[in-house]
Amino acid sequence: MTRTASIAVTSLALAVVLTGAHVTAGTVSIANIVDAPQQYAGQQVTVIGTVSEQTAGYRGQSMYTLGDGPRRVTVISRADAPTAGARLEVTAKVGFRPPDEEFTWPPVLLETSRRPAP
């Protein structure tokens, strides 16, 4: 590799790191998000889970619980509520608020897209 090519590759790699660009390598488990929400706070993730029996929707927006085994997370969406029991692949931004003296806030997912899980 020439010196110019080496500098170009190094510059490109540095630009990717500095801009925070990343490639999603599959899905993240709901358990990982629930267990370490601060690690995922503000990040775009994709999870797979089953919609619980309780969903709520109003004027094209909804809130529902997505579970994978014993772990569950609340999803807030700008789309109609999904059907209870549906298995979904959800891409969302992880919302997290650090705990205060009286309450530990659970993470929430701010949905950007969803589709039936493969």
PDB file of N, CA and C in Angstrom:
ATOM      1  N   MET A   1       0.851  -1.172   0.000  1.00  0.00           N
ATOM      2  CA  MET A   1       0.000   0.000   0.000  1.00  0.00           C
ATOM      3  C   MET A   1       0.895   1.233   0.000  1.00  0.00           C
ATOM      4  N   THR A   2       0.548   2.177  -0.824  1.00  0.00           N
ATOM      5  CA  THR A   2       1.338   3.402  -0.899  1.00  0.00           C
ATOM      6  C   THR A   2       1.066   4.269   0.319  1.00  0.00           C
ATOM      7  N   ARG A   3       1.971   5.190   0.521  1.00  0.00           N
ATOM      8  CA  ARG A   3       1.821   6.096   1.669  1.00  0.00           C
ATOM      9  C   ARG A   3       0.530   6.905   1.554  1.00  0.00           C
ATOM     10  N   THR A   4       0.172   7.366   0.370  1.00  0.00           N
ATOM     11  CA  THR A   4      -1.056   8.142   0.156  1.00  0.00           C
ATOM     12  C   THR A   4      -2.287   7.300   0.449  1.00  0.00           C
ATOM     13  N   ALA A   5      -2.301   6.052  -0.014  1.00  0.00           N
ATOM     14  CA  ALA A   5      -3.433   5.161   0.243  1.00  0.00           C
ATOM     15  C   ALA A   5      -3.551   4.859   1.733  1.00  0.00           C
ATOM     16  N   SER A   6      -2.416   4.666   2.387  1.00  0.00           N
ATOM     17  CA  SER A   6      -2.423   4.396   3.824  1.00  0.00           C
ATOM     18  C   SER A   6      -2.999   5.570   4.608  1.00  0.00           C
ATOM     19  N   ILE A   7      -2.611   6.763   4.226  1.00  0.00           N
ATOM     20  CA  ILE A   7      -3.133   7.963   4.895  1.00  0.00           C
ATOM     21  C   ILE A   7      -4.629   8.094   4.642  1.00  0.00           C
ATOM     22  N   ALA A   8      -5.074   7.809   3.419  1.00  0.00           N
ATOM     23  CA  ALA A   8      -6.504   7.895   3.093  1.00  0.00           C
ATOM     24  C   ALA A   8      -7.317   6.900   3.912  1.00  0.00           C
ATOM     25  N   VAL A   9      -6.846   5.662   4.035  1.00  0.00           N
ATOM     26  CA  VAL A   9      -7.554   4.640   4.815  1.00  0.00           C
ATOM     27  C   VAL A   9      -7.588   5.032   6.287  1.00  0.00           C
ATOM     28  N   THR A  10      -6.474   5.503   6.809  1.00  0.00           N
ATOM     29  CA  THR A  10      -6.420   5.932   8.208  1.00  0.00           C
ATOM     30  C   THR A  10      -7.360   7.106   8.450  1.00  0.00           C
ATOM     31  N   SER A  11      -7.395   8.063   7.534  1.00  0.00           N
ATOM     32  CA  SER A  11      -8.288   9.223   7.665  1.00  0.00           C
ATOM     33  C   SER A  11      -9.750   8.806   7.641  1.00  0.00           C
ATOM     34  N   LEU A  12     -10.086   7.878   6.740  1.00  0.00           N
ATOM     35  CA  LEU A  12     -11.457   7.387   6.660  1.00  0.00           C
ATOM     36  C   LEU A  12     -11.855   6.674   7.946  1.00  0.00           C
ATOM     37  N   ALA A  13     -10.988   5.830   8.458  1.00  0.00           N
ATOM     38  CA  ALA A  13     -11.278   5.115   9.705  1.00  0.00           C
ATOM     39  C   ALA A  13     -11.467   6.097  10.852  1.00  0.00           C
ATOM     40  N   LEU A  14     -10.621   7.111  10.929  1.00  0.00           N
ATOM     41  CA  LEU A  14     -10.738   8.124  11.978  1.00  0.00           C
ATOM     42  C   LEU A  14     -12.046   8.901  11.843  1.00  0.00           C
ATOM     43  N   ALA A  15     -12.444   9.236  10.610  1.00  0.00           N
ATOM     44  CA  ALA A  15     -13.708   9.950  10.390  1.00  0.00           C
ATOM     45  C   ALA A  15     -14.898   9.117  10.849  1.00  0.00           C
ATOM     46  N   VAL A  16     -14.882   7.825  10.580  1.00  0.00           N
ATOM     47  CA  VAL A  16     -15.972   6.944  11.011  1.00  0.00           C
ATOM     48  C   VAL A  16     -16.058   6.916  12.528  1.00  0.00           C
ATOM     49  N   VAL A  17     -14.924   6.803  13.190  1.00  0.00           N
ATOM     50  CA  VAL A  17     -14.910   6.766  14.661  1.00  0.00           C
ATOM     51  C   VAL A  17     -15.390   8.092  15.235  1.00  0.00           C
ATOM     52  N   LEU A  18     -14.907   9.213  14.713  1.00  0.00           N
ATOM     53  CA  LEU A  18     -15.269  10.524  15.253  1.00  0.00           C
ATOM     54  C   LEU A  18     -16.724  10.896  15.021  1.00  0.00           C
ATOM     55  N   THR A  19     -17.329  10.432  13.926  1.00  0.00           N
ATOM     56  CA  THR A  19     -18.727  10.768  13.669  1.00  0.00           C
ATOM     57  C   THR A  19     -19.672   9.819  14.363  1.00  0.00           C
ATOM     58  N   GLY A  20     -19.156   8.768  14.951  1.00  0.00           N
ATOM     59  CA  GLY A  20     -20.013   7.829  15.667  1.00  0.00           C
ATOM     60  C   GLY A  20     -20.748   6.882  14.747  1.00  0.00           C
ATOM     61  N   ALA A  21     -20.365   6.805  13.495  1.00  0.00           N
ATOM     62  CA  ALA A  21     -21.018   5.890  12.570  1.00  0.00           C
ATOM     63  C   ALA A  21     -20.743   4.460  12.991  1.00  0.00           C
ATOM     64  N   HIS A  22     -21.777   3.631  12.861  1.00  0.00           N
ATOM     65  CA  HIS A  22     -21.604   2.236  13.215  1.00  0.00           C
ATOM     66  C   HIS A  22     -22.518   1.374  12.363  1.00  0.00           C
ATOM     67  N   VAL A  23     -22.197   0.129  12.316  1.00  0.00           N
ATOM     68  CA  VAL A  23     -22.993  -0.827  11.558  1.00  0.00           C
ATOM     69  C   VAL A  23     -23.696  -1.727  12.557  1.00  0.00           C
ATOM     70  N   THR A  24     -25.001  -1.862  12.403  1.00  0.00           N
ATOM     71  CA  THR A  24     -25.752  -2.742  13.286  1.00  0.00           C
ATOM     72  C   THR A  24     -25.482  -4.173  12.884  1.00  0.00           C
ATOM     73  N   ALA A  25     -25.076  -4.964  13.836  1.00  0.00           N
ATOM     74  CA  ALA A  25     -24.736  -6.360  13.549  1.00  0.00           C
ATOM     75  C   ALA A  25     -25.823  -7.265  14.115  1.00  0.00           C
ATOM     76  N   GLY A  26     -27.055  -7.071  13.668  1.00  0.00           N
ATOM     77  CA  GLY A  26     -28.132  -7.929  14.134  1.00  0.00           C
ATOM     78  C   GLY A  26     -28.939  -7.300  15.242  1.00  0.00           C
ATOM     79  N   THR A  27     -29.575  -8.165  16.007  1.00  0.00           N
ATOM     80  CA  THR A  27     -30.470  -7.690  17.047  1.00  0.00           C
ATOM     81  C   THR A  27     -29.803  -7.700  18.418  1.00  0.00           C
ATOM     82  N   VAL A  28     -30.404  -6.927  19.315  1.00  0.00           N
ATOM     83  CA  VAL A  28     -29.987  -6.874  20.711  1.00  0.00           C
ATOM     84  C   VAL A  28     -31.099  -7.541  21.513  1.00  0.00           C
ATOM     85  N   SER A  29     -30.753  -8.307  22.520  1.00  0.00           N
ATOM     86  CA  SER A  29     -31.810  -8.947  23.311  1.00  0.00           C
ATOM     87  C   SER A  29     -32.468  -7.923  24.235  1.00  0.00           C
ATOM     88  N   ILE A  30     -33.737  -8.127  24.478  1.00  0.00           N
ATOM     89  CA  ILE A  30     -34.469  -7.269  25.412  1.00  0.00           C
ATOM     90  C   ILE A  30     -33.830  -7.358  26.798  1.00  0.00           C
ATOM     91  N   ALA A  31     -33.383  -8.541  27.182  1.00  0.00           N
ATOM     92  CA  ALA A  31     -32.732  -8.729  28.484  1.00  0.00           C
ATOM     93  C   ALA A  31     -31.499  -7.841  28.616  1.00  0.00           C
ATOM     94  N   ASN A  32     -30.698  -7.735  27.565  1.00  0.00           N
ATOM     95  CA  ASN A  32     -29.502  -6.890  27.626  1.00  0.00           C
ATOM     96  C   ASN A  32     -29.869  -5.430  27.849  1.00  0.00           C
ATOM     97  N   ILE A  33     -30.921  -4.964  27.178  1.00  0.00           N
ATOM     98  CA  ILE A  33     -31.347  -3.569  27.337  1.00  0.00           C
ATOM     99  C   ILE A  33     -31.882  -3.323  28.742  1.00  0.00           C
ATOM    100  N   VAL A  34     -32.689  -4.243  29.253  1.00  0.00           N
ATOM    101  CA  VAL A  34     -33.263  -4.093  30.591  1.00  0.00           C
ATOM    102  C   VAL A  34     -32.175  -4.170  31.665  1.00  0.00           C
ATOM    103  N   ASP A  35     -31.204  -5.050  31.480  1.00  0.00           N
ATOM    104  CA  ASP A  35     -30.143  -5.239  32.477  1.00  0.00           C
ATOM    105  C   ASP A  35     -29.114  -4.115  32.483  1.00  0.00           C
ATOM    106  N   ALA A  36     -28.871  -3.488  31.334  1.00  0.00           N
ATOM    107  CA  ALA A  36     -27.848  -2.434  31.248  1.00  0.00           C
ATOM    108  C   ALA A  36     -28.337  -1.284  30.358  1.00  0.00           C
ATOM    109  N   PRO A  37     -29.420  -0.612  30.761  1.00  0.00           N
ATOM    110  CA  PRO A  37     -29.986   0.434  29.901  1.00  0.00           C
ATOM    111  C   PRO A  37     -29.033   1.588  29.624  1.00  0.00           C
ATOM    112  N   GLN A  38     -28.170   1.920  30.576  1.00  0.00           N
ATOM    113  CA  GLN A  38     -27.224   3.024  30.369  1.00  0.00           C
ATOM    114  C   GLN A  38     -26.266   2.726  29.224  1.00  0.00           C
ATOM    115  N   GLN A  39     -25.991   1.468  28.960  1.00  0.00           N
ATOM    116  CA  GLN A  39     -25.099   1.079  27.867  1.00  0.00           C
ATOM    117  C   GLN A  39     -25.734   1.343  26.498  1.00  0.00           C
ATOM    118  N   TYR A  40     -27.056   1.295  26.425  1.00  0.00           N
ATOM    119  CA  TYR A  40     -27.764   1.463  25.159  1.00  0.00           C
ATOM    120  C   TYR A  40     -28.458   2.816  25.034  1.00  0.00           C
ATOM    121  N   ALA A  41     -28.420   3.638  26.067  1.00  0.00           N
ATOM    122  CA  ALA A  41     -29.133   4.921  26.074  1.00  0.00           C
ATOM    123  C   ALA A  41     -28.797   5.756  24.847  1.00  0.00           C
ATOM    124  N   GLY A  42     -29.853   6.176  24.139  1.00  0.00           N
ATOM    125  CA  GLY A  42     -29.691   7.026  22.973  1.00  0.00           C
ATOM    126  C   GLY A  42     -29.311   6.286  21.697  1.00  0.00           C
ATOM    127  N   GLN A  43     -29.086   4.990  21.782  1.00  0.00           N
ATOM    128  CA  GLN A  43     -28.685   4.216  20.600  1.00  0.00           C
ATOM    129  C   GLN A  43     -29.885   3.642  19.864  1.00  0.00           C
ATOM    130  N   GLN A  44     -29.716   3.446  18.589  1.00  0.00           N
ATOM    131  CA  GLN A  44     -30.713   2.773  17.748  1.00  0.00           C
ATOM    132  C   GLN A  44     -30.440   1.271  17.863  1.00  0.00           C
ATOM    133  N   VAL A  45     -31.456   0.498  18.224  1.00  0.00           N
ATOM    134  CA  VAL A  45     -31.312  -0.947  18.364  1.00  0.00           C
ATOM    135  C   VAL A  45     -32.445  -1.651  17.628  1.00  0.00           C
ATOM    136  N   THR A  46     -32.258  -2.933  17.369  1.00  0.00           N
ATOM    137  CA  THR A  46     -33.308  -3.773  16.825  1.00  0.00           C
ATOM    138  C   THR A  46     -33.509  -4.932  17.784  1.00  0.00           C
ATOM    139  N   VAL A  47     -34.759  -5.141  18.196  1.00  0.00           N
ATOM    140  CA  VAL A  47     -35.107  -6.228  19.115  1.00  0.00           C
ATOM    141  C   VAL A  47     -36.216  -7.072  18.491  1.00  0.00           C
ATOM    142  N   ILE A  48     -36.308  -8.301  18.961  1.00  0.00           N
ATOM    143  CA  ILE A  48     -37.385  -9.194  18.540  1.00  0.00           C
ATOM    144  C   ILE A  48     -38.102  -9.661  19.787  1.00  0.00           C
ATOM    145  N   GLY A  49     -39.439  -9.616  19.745  1.00  0.00           N
ATOM    146  CA  GLY A  49     -40.211 -10.054  20.893  1.00  0.00           C
ATOM    147  C   GLY A  49     -41.680 -10.215  20.543  1.00  0.00           C
ATOM    148  N   THR A  50     -42.441 -10.606  21.556  1.00  0.00           N
ATOM    149  CA  THR A  50     -43.873 -10.837  21.404  1.00  0.00           C
ATOM    150  C   THR A  50     -44.634  -9.754  22.152  1.00  0.00           C
ATOM    151  N   VAL A  51     -45.652  -9.198  21.505  1.00  0.00           N
ATOM    152  CA  VAL A  51     -46.476  -8.146  22.110  1.00  0.00           C
ATOM    153  C   VAL A  51     -47.330  -8.761  23.209  1.00  0.00           C
ATOM    154  N   SER A  52     -47.332  -8.122  24.394  1.00  0.00           N
ATOM    155  CA  SER A  52     -48.126  -8.627  25.520  1.00  0.00           C
ATOM    156  C   SER A  52     -49.614  -8.388  25.279  1.00  0.00           C
ATOM    157  N   GLU A  53     -50.416  -8.875  26.161  1.00  0.00           N
ATOM    158  CA  GLU A  53     -51.872  -8.740  26.050  1.00  0.00           C
ATOM    159  C   GLU A  53     -52.344  -7.298  26.162  1.00  0.00           C
ATOM    160  N   GLN A  54     -51.574  -6.440  26.816  1.00  0.00           N
ATOM    161  CA  GLN A  54     -52.016  -5.063  27.019  1.00  0.00           C
ATOM    162  C   GLN A  54     -51.353  -4.133  26.014  1.00  0.00           C
ATOM    163  N   THR A  55     -52.162  -3.566  25.128  1.00  0.00           N
ATOM    164  CA  THR A  55     -51.674  -2.536  24.218  1.00  0.00           C
ATOM    165  C   THR A  55     -52.616  -1.351  24.339  1.00  0.00           C
ATOM    166  N   ALA A  56     -52.096  -0.160  24.081  1.00  0.00           N
ATOM    167  CA  ALA A  56     -52.930   1.034  24.146  1.00  0.00           C
ATOM    168  C   ALA A  56     -52.640   1.894  22.931  1.00  0.00           C
ATOM    169  N   GLY A  57     -53.683   2.385  22.307  1.00  0.00           N
ATOM    170  CA  GLY A  57     -53.514   3.249  21.156  1.00  0.00           C
ATOM    171  C   GLY A  57     -54.508   4.382  21.185  1.00  0.00           C
ATOM    172  N   TYR A  58     -54.088   5.530  20.647  1.00  0.00           N
ATOM    173  CA  TYR A  58     -54.970   6.688  20.582  1.00  0.00           C
ATOM    174  C   TYR A  58     -54.517   7.578  19.437  1.00  0.00           C
ATOM    175  N   ARG A  59     -55.415   7.829  18.487  1.00  0.00           N
ATOM    176  CA  ARG A  59     -55.162   8.728  17.361  1.00  0.00           C
ATOM    177  C   ARG A  59     -53.850   8.427  16.633  1.00  0.00           C
ATOM    178  N   GLY A  60     -53.639   7.170  16.305  1.00  0.00           N
ATOM    179  CA  GLY A  60     -52.475   6.802  15.513  1.00  0.00           C
ATOM    180  C   GLY A  60     -51.179   6.657  16.273  1.00  0.00           C
ATOM    181  N   GLN A  61     -51.222   6.772  17.590  1.00  0.00           N
ATOM    182  CA  GLN A  61     -50.041   6.557  18.414  1.00  0.00           C
ATOM    183  C   GLN A  61     -50.347   5.411  19.364  1.00  0.00           C
ATOM    184  N   SER A  62     -49.304   4.746  19.831  1.00  0.00           N
ATOM    185  CA  SER A  62     -49.556   3.617  20.720  1.00  0.00           C
ATOM    186  C   SER A  62     -48.417   3.392  21.693  1.00  0.00           C
ATOM    187  N   MET A  63     -48.733   2.577  22.680  1.00  0.00           N
ATOM    188  CA  MET A  63     -47.764   2.135  23.666  1.00  0.00           C
ATOM    189  C   MET A  63     -48.067   0.661  23.899  1.00  0.00           C
ATOM    190  N   TYR A  64     -47.038  -0.153  23.858  1.00  0.00           N
ATOM    191  CA  TYR A  64     -47.233  -1.580  24.075  1.00  0.00           C
ATOM    192  C   TYR A  64     -45.998  -2.167  24.733  1.00  0.00           C
ATOM    193  N   THR A  65     -46.156  -3.372  25.251  1.00  0.00           N
ATOM    194  CA  THR A  65     -45.057  -4.065  25.905  1.00  0.00           C
ATOM    195  C   THR A  65     -44.590  -5.190  25.005  1.00  0.00           C
ATOM    196  N   LEU A  66     -43.284  -5.251  24.815  1.00  0.00           N
ATOM    197  CA  LEU A  66     -42.672  -6.288  24.002  1.00  0.00           C
ATOM    198  C   LEU A  66     -41.833  -7.159  24.922  1.00  0.00           C
ATOM    199  N   GLY A  67     -42.053  -8.464  24.860  1.00  0.00           N
ATOM    200  CA  GLY A  67     -41.344  -9.370  25.741  1.00  0.00           C
ATOM    201  C   GLY A  67     -40.592 -10.446  25.000  1.00  0.00           C
ATOM    202  N   ASP A  68     -39.547 -10.920  25.640  1.00  0.00           N
ATOM    203  CA  ASP A  68     -38.760 -12.038  25.140  1.00  0.00           C
ATOM    204  C   ASP A  68     -38.414 -12.889  26.356  1.00  0.00           C
ATOM    205  N   GLY A  69     -39.205 -13.923  26.578  1.00  0.00           N
ATOM    206  CA  GLY A  69     -39.036 -14.693  27.810  1.00  0.00           C
ATOM    207  C   GLY A  69     -39.562 -13.869  28.971  1.00  0.00           C
ATOM    208  N   PRO A  70     -38.847 -13.887  30.101  1.00  0.00           N
ATOM    209  CA  PRO A  70     -39.332 -13.154  31.273  1.00  0.00           C
ATOM    210  C   PRO A  70     -39.063 -11.641  31.226  1.00  0.00           C
ATOM    211  N   ARG A  71     -38.243 -11.177  30.296  1.00  0.00           N
ATOM    212  CA  ARG A  71     -37.888  -9.756  30.215  1.00  0.00           C
ATOM    213  C   ARG A  71     -38.830  -9.020  29.279  1.00  0.00           C
ATOM    214  N   ARG A  72     -39.215  -7.800  29.686  1.00  0.00           N
ATOM    215  CA  ARG A  72     -40.133  -6.981  28.891  1.00  0.00           C
ATOM    216  C   ARG A  72     -39.656  -5.539  28.870  1.00  0.00           C
ATOM    217  N   VAL A  73     -40.061  -4.836  27.796  1.00  0.00           N
ATOM    218  CA  VAL A  73     -39.739  -3.427  27.674  1.00  0.00           C
ATOM    219  C   VAL A  73     -40.943  -2.722  27.047  1.00  0.00           C
ATOM    220  N   THR A  74     -41.175  -1.478  27.465  1.00  0.00           N
ATOM    221  CA  THR A  74     -42.265  -0.678  26.916  1.00  0.00           C
ATOM    222  C   THR A  74     -41.804  -0.024  25.622  1.00  0.00           C
ATOM    223  N   VAL A  75     -42.676  -0.065  24.607  1.00  0.00           N
ATOM    224  CA  VAL A  75     -42.395   0.541  23.312  1.00  0.00           C
ATOM    225  C   VAL A  75     -43.412   1.658  23.082  1.00  0.00           C
ATOM    226  N   ILE A  76     -42.921   2.832  22.684  1.00  0.00           N
ATOM    227  CA  ILE A  76     -43.780   3.957  22.347  1.00  0.00           C
ATOM    228  C   ILE A  76     -43.670   4.149  20.838  1.00  0.00           C
ATOM    229  N   SER A  77     -44.830   4.230  20.172  1.00  0.00           N
ATOM    230  CA  SER A  77     -44.861   4.243  18.714  1.00  0.00           C
ATOM    231  C   SER A  77     -45.754   5.345  18.175  1.00  0.00           C
ATOM    232  N   ARG A  78     -45.462   5.802  16.976  1.00  0.00           N
ATOM    233  CA  ARG A  78     -46.308   6.767  16.269  1.00  0.00           C
ATOM    234  C   ARG A  78     -47.211   6.041  15.278  1.00  0.00           C
ATOM    235  N   ALA A  79     -47.391   4.753  15.479  1.00  0.00           N
ATOM    236  CA  ALA A  79     -48.259   3.936  14.629  1.00  0.00           C
ATOM    237  C   ALA A  79     -49.345   3.315  15.498  1.00  0.00           C
ATOM    238  N   ASP A  80     -50.359   2.748  14.866  1.00  0.00           N
ATOM    239  CA  ASP A  80     -51.418   2.071  15.613  1.00  0.00           C
ATOM    240  C   ASP A  80     -50.843   0.929  16.433  1.00  0.00           C
ATOM    241  N   ALA A  81     -51.538   0.580  17.493  1.00  0.00           N
ATOM    242  CA  ALA A  81     -51.091  -0.495  18.375  1.00  0.00           C
ATOM    243  C   ALA A  81     -51.083  -1.825  17.628  1.00  0.00           C
ATOM    244  N   PRO A  82     -50.039  -2.629  17.835  1.00  0.00           N
ATOM    245  CA  PRO A  82     -50.010  -3.941  17.202  1.00  0.00           C
ATOM    246  C   PRO A  82     -50.954  -4.897  17.924  1.00  0.00           C
ATOM    247  N   THR A  83     -51.226  -5.998  17.296  1.00  0.00           N
ATOM    248  CA  THR A  83     -52.099  -7.017  17.885  1.00  0.00           C
ATOM    249  C   THR A  83     -51.374  -7.749  18.999  1.00  0.00           C
ATOM    250  N   ALA A  84     -52.055  -7.945  20.123  1.00  0.00           N
ATOM    251  CA  ALA A  84     -51.472  -8.716  21.219  1.00  0.00           C
ATOM    252  C   ALA A  84     -51.139 -10.110  20.717  1.00  0.00           C
ATOM    253  N   GLY A  85     -49.964 -10.595  21.087  1.00  0.00           N
ATOM    254  CA  GLY A  85     -49.517 -11.913  20.662  1.00  0.00           C
ATOM    255  C   GLY A  85     -48.679 -11.892  19.394  1.00  0.00           C
ATOM    256  N   ALA A  86     -48.622 -10.739  18.712  1.00  0.00           N
ATOM    257  CA  ALA A  86     -47.820 -10.641  17.480  1.00  0.00           C
ATOM    258  C   ALA A  86     -46.338 -10.708  17.816  1.00  0.00           C
ATOM    259  N   ARG A  87     -45.586 -11.412  17.006  1.00  0.00           N
ATOM    260  CA  ARG A  87     -44.125 -11.479  17.161  1.00  0.00           C
ATOM    261  C   ARG A  87     -43.535 -10.460  16.194  1.00  0.00           C
ATOM    262  N   LEU A  88     -42.802  -9.477  16.731  1.00  0.00           N
ATOM    263  CA  LEU A  88     -42.321  -8.354  15.932  1.00  0.00           C
ATOM    264  C   LEU A  88     -40.811  -8.172  16.009  1.00  0.00           C
ATOM    265  N   GLU A  89     -40.285  -7.592  14.954  1.00  0.00           N
ATOM    266  CA  GLU A  89     -38.915  -7.076  14.942  1.00  0.00           C
ATOM    267  C   GLU A  89     -39.055  -5.563  14.974  1.00  0.00           C
ATOM    268  N   VAL A  90     -38.573  -4.945  16.027  1.00  0.00           N
ATOM    269  CA  VAL A  90     -38.748  -3.506  16.238  1.00  0.00           C
ATOM    270  C   VAL A  90     -37.387  -2.819  16.240  1.00  0.00           C
ATOM    271  N   THR A  91     -37.292  -1.747  15.464  1.00  0.00           N
ATOM    272  CA  THR A  91     -36.106  -0.899  15.493  1.00  0.00           C
ATOM    273  C   THR A  91     -36.516   0.367  16.228  1.00  0.00           C
ATOM    274  N   ALA A  92     -35.701   0.755  17.199  1.00  0.00           N
ATOM    275  CA  ALA A  92     -36.077   1.871  18.061  1.00  0.00           C
ATOM    276  C   ALA A  92     -34.851   2.512  18.699  1.00  0.00           C
ATOM    277  N   LYS A  93     -35.061   3.729  19.190  1.00  0.00           N
ATOM    278  CA  LYS A  93     -34.039   4.416  19.969  1.00  0.00           C
ATOM    279  C   LYS A  93     -34.318   4.126  21.436  1.00  0.00           C
ATOM    280  N   VAL A  94     -33.285   3.802  22.185  1.00  0.00           N
ATOM    281  CA  VAL A  94     -33.446   3.475  23.603  1.00  0.00           C
ATOM    282  C   VAL A  94     -33.492   4.762  24.415  1.00  0.00           C
ATOM    283  N   GLY A  95     -34.610   4.947  25.125  1.00  0.00           N
ATOM    284  CA  GLY A  95     -34.750   6.074  26.029  1.00  0.00           C
ATOM    285  C   GLY A  95     -34.424   5.607  27.436  1.00  0.00           C
ATOM    286  N   PHE A  96     -33.599   6.375  28.130  1.00  0.00           N
ATOM    287  CA  PHE A  96     -33.192   5.990  29.489  1.00  0.00           C
ATOM    288  C   PHE A  96     -32.970   7.243  30.318  1.00  0.00           C
ATOM    289  N   ARG A  97     -33.470   7.188  31.527  1.00  0.00           N
ATOM    290  CA  ARG A  97     -33.254   8.263  32.484  1.00  0.00           C
ATOM    291  C   ARG A  97     -32.556   7.655  33.691  1.00  0.00           C
ATOM    292  N   PRO A  98     -31.435   8.222  34.117  1.00  0.00           N
ATOM    293  CA  PRO A  98     -30.736   7.659  35.282  1.00  0.00           C
ATOM    294  C   PRO A  98     -31.630   7.671  36.519  1.00  0.00           C
ATOM    295  N   PRO A  99     -31.440   6.705  37.419  1.00  0.00           N
ATOM    296  CA  PRO A  99     -32.268   6.659  38.626  1.00  0.00           C
ATOM    297  C   PRO A  99     -32.017   7.877  39.512  1.00  0.00           C
ATOM    298  N   ASP A 100     -33.059   8.230  40.275  1.00  0.00           N
ATOM    299  CA  ASP A 100     -32.886   9.287  41.265  1.00  0.00           C
ATOM    300  C   ASP A 100     -32.964   8.647  42.646  1.00  0.00           C
ATOM    301  N   GLU A 101     -33.106   9.458  43.674  1.00  0.00           N
ATOM    302  CA  GLU A 101     -33.103   8.931  45.043  1.00  0.00           C
ATOM    303  C   GLU A 101     -34.316   8.060  45.350  1.00  0.00           C
ATOM    304  N   GLU A 102     -35.412   8.250  44.627  1.00  0.00           N
ATOM    305  CA  GLU A 102     -36.644   7.548  44.951  1.00  0.00           C
ATOM    306  C   GLU A 102     -37.077   6.500  43.941  1.00  0.00           C
ATOM    307  N   PHE A 103     -36.568   6.573  42.704  1.00  0.00           N
ATOM    308  CA  PHE A 103     -37.110   5.696  41.681  1.00  0.00           C
ATOM    309  C   PHE A 103     -36.051   5.327  40.656  1.00  0.00           C
ATOM    310  N   THR A 104     -36.054   4.077  40.252  1.00  0.00           N
ATOM    311  CA  THR A 104     -35.207   3.625  39.151  1.00  0.00           C
ATOM    312  C   THR A 104     -36.083   3.543  37.914  1.00  0.00           C
ATOM    313  N   TRP A 105     -35.797   4.369  36.937  1.00  0.00           N
ATOM    314  CA  TRP A 105     -36.597   4.458  35.723  1.00  0.00           C
ATOM    315  C   TRP A 105     -36.271   3.303  34.794  1.00  0.00           C
ATOM    316  N   PRO A 106     -37.279   2.620  34.286  1.00  0.00           N
ATOM    317  CA  PRO A 106     -37.008   1.547  33.331  1.00  0.00           C
ATOM    318  C   PRO A 106     -36.725   2.136  31.943  1.00  0.00           C
ATOM    319  N   PRO A 107     -35.986   1.424  31.109  1.00  0.00           N
ATOM    320  CA  PRO A 107     -35.771   1.917  29.748  1.00  0.00           C
ATOM    321  C   PRO A 107     -37.056   1.815  28.937  1.00  0.00           C
ATOM    322  N   VAL A 108     -37.178   2.639  27.921  1.00  0.00           N
ATOM    323  CA  VAL A 108     -38.290   2.552  26.963  1.00  0.00           C
ATOM    324  C   VAL A 108     -37.687   2.568  25.567  1.00  0.00           C
ATOM    325  N   LEU A 109     -38.428   2.002  24.615  1.00  0.00           N
ATOM    326  CA  LEU A 109     -38.002   2.027  23.223  1.00  0.00           C
ATOM    327  C   LEU A 109     -38.891   2.988  22.457  1.00  0.00           C
ATOM    328  N   LEU A 110     -38.283   3.927  21.740  1.00  0.00           N
ATOM    329  CA  LEU A 110     -39.008   4.882  20.923  1.00  0.00           C
ATOM    330  C   LEU A 110     -38.942   4.354  19.485  1.00  0.00           C
ATOM    331  N   GLU A 111     -40.023   3.681  19.082  1.00  0.00           N
ATOM    332  CA  GLU A 111     -40.047   2.947  17.821  1.00  0.00           C
ATOM    333  C   GLU A 111     -39.849   3.833  16.599  1.00  0.00           C
ATOM    334  N   THR A 112     -38.986   3.369  15.696  1.00  0.00           N
ATOM    335  CA  THR A 112     -38.828   4.026  14.408  1.00  0.00           C
ATOM    336  C   THR A 112     -39.393   3.155  13.278  1.00  0.00           C
ATOM    337  N   SER A 113     -39.398   1.832  13.489  1.00  0.00           N
ATOM    338  CA  SER A 113     -40.017   0.937  12.506  1.00  0.00           C
ATOM    339  C   SER A 113     -40.303  -0.418  13.158  1.00  0.00           C
ATOM    340  N   ARG A 114     -41.227  -1.134  12.542  1.00  0.00           N
ATOM    341  CA  ARG A 114     -41.521  -2.492  13.007  1.00  0.00           C
ATOM    342  C   ARG A 114     -41.996  -3.329  11.841  1.00  0.00           C
ATOM    343  N   ARG A 115     -41.801  -4.629  11.976  1.00  0.00           N
ATOM    344  CA  ARG A 115     -42.265  -5.568  10.971  1.00  0.00           C
ATOM    345  C   ARG A 115     -42.422  -6.925  11.646  1.00  0.00           C
ATOM    346  N   PRO A 116     -43.161  -7.819  11.025  1.00  0.00           N
ATOM    347  CA  PRO A 116     -43.281  -9.168  11.600  1.00  0.00           C
ATOM    348  C   PRO A 116     -41.888  -9.786  11.722  1.00  0.00           C
ATOM    349  N   ALA A 117     -41.649 -10.451  12.828  1.00  0.00           N
ATOM    350  CA  ALA A 117     -40.343 -11.085  13.036  1.00  0.00           C
ATOM    351  C   ALA A 117     -40.182 -12.267  12.098  1.00  0.00           C
ATOM    352  N   PRO A 118     -38.952 -12.458  11.618  1.00  0.00           N
ATOM    353  CA  PRO A 118     -38.708 -13.598  10.715  1.00  0.00           C
ATOM    354  C   PRO A 118     -38.844 -14.936  11.430  1.00  0.00           C
TER     355      PRO A 118
END
